[in-house]
Structures are given as C-alpha cells and as structure tokens.
Amino acid sequence: MKIKLEDEGFEEVQAEKQGEKPETGGSNRPDLRVVQADRDKDGNVVYTNVGGMWKNVSKNGNEFYTLKIGQLKLLVFPNNNK
C-alpha cells in the first residue's frame, strides 16, 4: 500500500530538546540503538551497532521515528489505523 505522507502533514523536522543544540547530520546520539546479535569464537553473544532511531515531530504534531541503518533511511510511524 502506498501512502503520500505529504498529504498527511508529515515532514521531517529536527526536534530540539530544552538546553541542547539542534541536531546536526549524523553526529547526534540516537534515541534508540539498532544492534545485530552475533556470536564470538567462544560462543558468547556479541551485539554490533548497525544503526539508530531518532524521535521526530511533524509540523502537525504527529510523532514518528527516523531509522538509519548504514545508508538506508526509513520513517517509522505508529500503526494507529484500526
């Protein structure tokens, strides 16, 4: 299913928290980390960072996340349609 997000008022904007500088491209710390589980040579679980998720707010006040894994960038929305 294709959805035109522009029609729903979603536009990526940088959220500015009180007392912090506005976020700058890629150097800010993610709200959520994305890791890949693996095992080392001894069989112990090792987690490798592969990306992150940042919380954003649209101009209409709708919250969503930006998910980045490598060069892939996705927008993540809550599933409120019931």
C-alpha atoms as a PDB file:
ATOM      1  CA  MET A   1       0.000   0.000   0.000  1.00  0.00           C
ATOM      2  CA  LYS A   2       1.416   3.384  -0.984  1.00  0.00           C
ATOM      3  CA  ILE A   3       0.675   6.451   1.123  1.00  0.00           C
ATOM      4  CA  LYS A   4       1.513  10.050   0.264  1.00  0.00           C
ATOM      5  CA  LEU A   5       2.955  11.300   3.528  1.00  0.00           C
ATOM      6  CA  GLU A   6       2.976  14.898   2.354  1.00  0.00           C
ATOM      7  CA  ASP A   7      -0.823  14.777   2.196  1.00  0.00           C
ATOM      8  CA  GLU A   8      -0.988  13.714   5.859  1.00  0.00           C
ATOM      9  CA  GLY A   9       1.180  16.601   7.056  1.00  0.00           C
ATOM     10  CA  PHE A  10       4.330  14.583   7.750  1.00  0.00           C
ATOM     11  CA  GLU A  11       7.564  16.409   7.169  1.00  0.00           C
ATOM     12  CA  GLU A  12      10.847  15.596   8.857  1.00  0.00           C
ATOM     13  CA  VAL A  13      11.911  18.333  11.235  1.00  0.00           C
ATOM     14  CA  GLN A  14      14.618  18.312  13.867  1.00  0.00           C
ATOM     15  CA  ALA A  15      13.282  18.169  17.416  1.00  0.00           C
ATOM     16  CA  GLU A  16      15.131  20.480  19.781  1.00  0.00           C
ATOM     17  CA  LYS A  17      15.238  19.452  23.430  1.00  0.00           C
ATOM     18  CA  GLN A  18      15.491  22.049  26.144  1.00  0.00           C
ATOM     19  CA  GLY A  19      19.096  23.102  26.769  1.00  0.00           C
ATOM     20  CA  GLU A  20      20.507  21.259  23.743  1.00  0.00           C
ATOM     21  CA  LYS A  21      21.722  22.455  20.383  1.00  0.00           C
ATOM     22  CA  PRO A  22      19.647  21.450  17.348  1.00  0.00           C
ATOM     23  CA  GLU A  23      20.567  18.091  15.890  1.00  0.00           C
ATOM     24  CA  THR A  24      23.178  18.095  13.169  1.00  0.00           C
ATOM     25  CA  GLY A  25      23.529  15.486  10.432  1.00  0.00           C
ATOM     26  CA  GLY A  26      24.503  12.160  11.912  1.00  0.00           C
ATOM     27  CA  SER A  27      26.643  13.332  14.827  1.00  0.00           C
ATOM     28  CA  ASN A  28      23.785  13.308  17.362  1.00  0.00           C
ATOM     29  CA  ARG A  29      23.144  10.363  19.642  1.00  0.00           C
ATOM     30  CA  PRO A  30      20.108   8.219  18.674  1.00  0.00           C
ATOM     31  CA  ASP A  31      17.110   7.811  20.979  1.00  0.00           C
ATOM     32  CA  LEU A  32      17.196   4.054  20.271  1.00  0.00           C
ATOM     33  CA  ARG A  33      20.127   1.937  19.084  1.00  0.00           C
ATOM     34  CA  VAL A  34      19.772  -0.796  16.458  1.00  0.00           C
ATOM     35  CA  VAL A  35      22.091  -3.756  17.055  1.00  0.00           C
ATOM     36  CA  GLN A  36      22.765  -7.090  15.392  1.00  0.00           C
ATOM     37  CA  ALA A  37      23.227 -10.148  17.606  1.00  0.00           C
ATOM     38  CA  ASP A  38      26.172 -12.399  16.732  1.00  0.00           C
ATOM     39  CA  ARG A  39      28.475 -14.851  18.468  1.00  0.00           C
ATOM     40  CA  ASP A  40      32.247 -14.624  19.025  1.00  0.00           C
ATOM     41  CA  LYS A  41      34.678 -17.539  18.662  1.00  0.00           C
ATOM     42  CA  ASP A  42      33.896 -18.689  22.229  1.00  0.00           C
ATOM     43  CA  GLY A  43      30.131 -18.750  21.622  1.00  0.00           C
ATOM     44  CA  ASN A  44      29.378 -15.626  23.653  1.00  0.00           C
ATOM     45  CA  VAL A  45      26.695 -13.244  22.374  1.00  0.00           C
ATOM     46  CA  VAL A  46      28.129 -10.057  20.858  1.00  0.00           C
ATOM     47  CA  TYR A  47      26.000  -7.065  19.844  1.00  0.00           C
ATOM     48  CA  THR A  48      27.221  -4.943  16.942  1.00  0.00           C
ATOM     49  CA  ASN A  49      25.790  -1.439  16.419  1.00  0.00           C
ATOM     50  CA  VAL A  50      24.296  -1.146  12.938  1.00  0.00           C
ATOM     51  CA  GLY A  51      22.152   1.990  13.250  1.00  0.00           C
ATOM     52  CA  GLY A  52      19.801   4.080  15.331  1.00  0.00           C
ATOM     53  CA  MET A  53      16.357   5.634  15.635  1.00  0.00           C
ATOM     54  CA  TRP A  54      15.644   9.301  16.307  1.00  0.00           C
ATOM     55  CA  LYS A  55      12.286  10.622  17.510  1.00  0.00           C
ATOM     56  CA  ASN A  56      10.810  13.437  15.407  1.00  0.00           C
ATOM     57  CA  VAL A  57       7.648  15.521  15.438  1.00  0.00           C
ATOM     58  CA  SER A  58       5.884  16.643  12.261  1.00  0.00           C
ATOM     59  CA  LYS A  59       4.574  20.158  11.721  1.00  0.00           C
ATOM     60  CA  ASN A  60       1.115  18.857  12.680  1.00  0.00           C
ATOM     61  CA  GLY A  61       2.448  17.491  15.975  1.00  0.00           C
ATOM     62  CA  ASN A  62       2.468  13.817  14.928  1.00  0.00           C
ATOM     63  CA  GLU A  63       5.347  11.804  16.384  1.00  0.00           C
ATOM     64  CA  PHE A  64       7.419   9.421  14.245  1.00  0.00           C
ATOM     65  CA  TYR A  65      10.926   7.968  14.177  1.00  0.00           C
ATOM     66  CA  THR A  66      13.726   8.116  11.636  1.00  0.00           C
ATOM     67  CA  LEU A  67      15.502   4.751  11.353  1.00  0.00           C
ATOM     68  CA  LYS A  68      19.014   4.721   9.864  1.00  0.00           C
ATOM     69  CA  ILE A  69      20.949   1.543   9.124  1.00  0.00           C
ATOM     70  CA  GLY A  70      24.073   2.310   7.120  1.00  0.00           C
ATOM     71  CA  GLN A  71      22.962   4.413   4.135  1.00  0.00           C
ATOM     72  CA  LEU A  72      19.335   3.231   4.460  1.00  0.00           C
ATOM     73  CA  LYS A  73      16.980   5.817   5.982  1.00  0.00           C
ATOM     74  CA  LEU A  74      13.374   4.924   6.815  1.00  0.00           C
ATOM     75  CA  LEU A  75      10.500   6.752   8.506  1.00  0.00           C
ATOM     76  CA  VAL A  76       8.682   4.715  11.172  1.00  0.00           C
ATOM     77  CA  PHE A  77       5.085   5.566  12.110  1.00  0.00           C
ATOM     78  CA  PRO A  78       2.807   4.137  14.822  1.00  0.00           C
ATOM     79  CA  ASN A  79       0.103   1.847  13.470  1.00  0.00           C
ATOM     80  CA  ASN A  80      -2.946   3.791  14.663  1.00  0.00           C
ATOM     81  CA  ASN A  81      -5.281   2.601  11.872  1.00  0.00           C
ATOM     82  CA  LYS A  82      -7.718   0.069  13.361  1.00  0.00           C
END
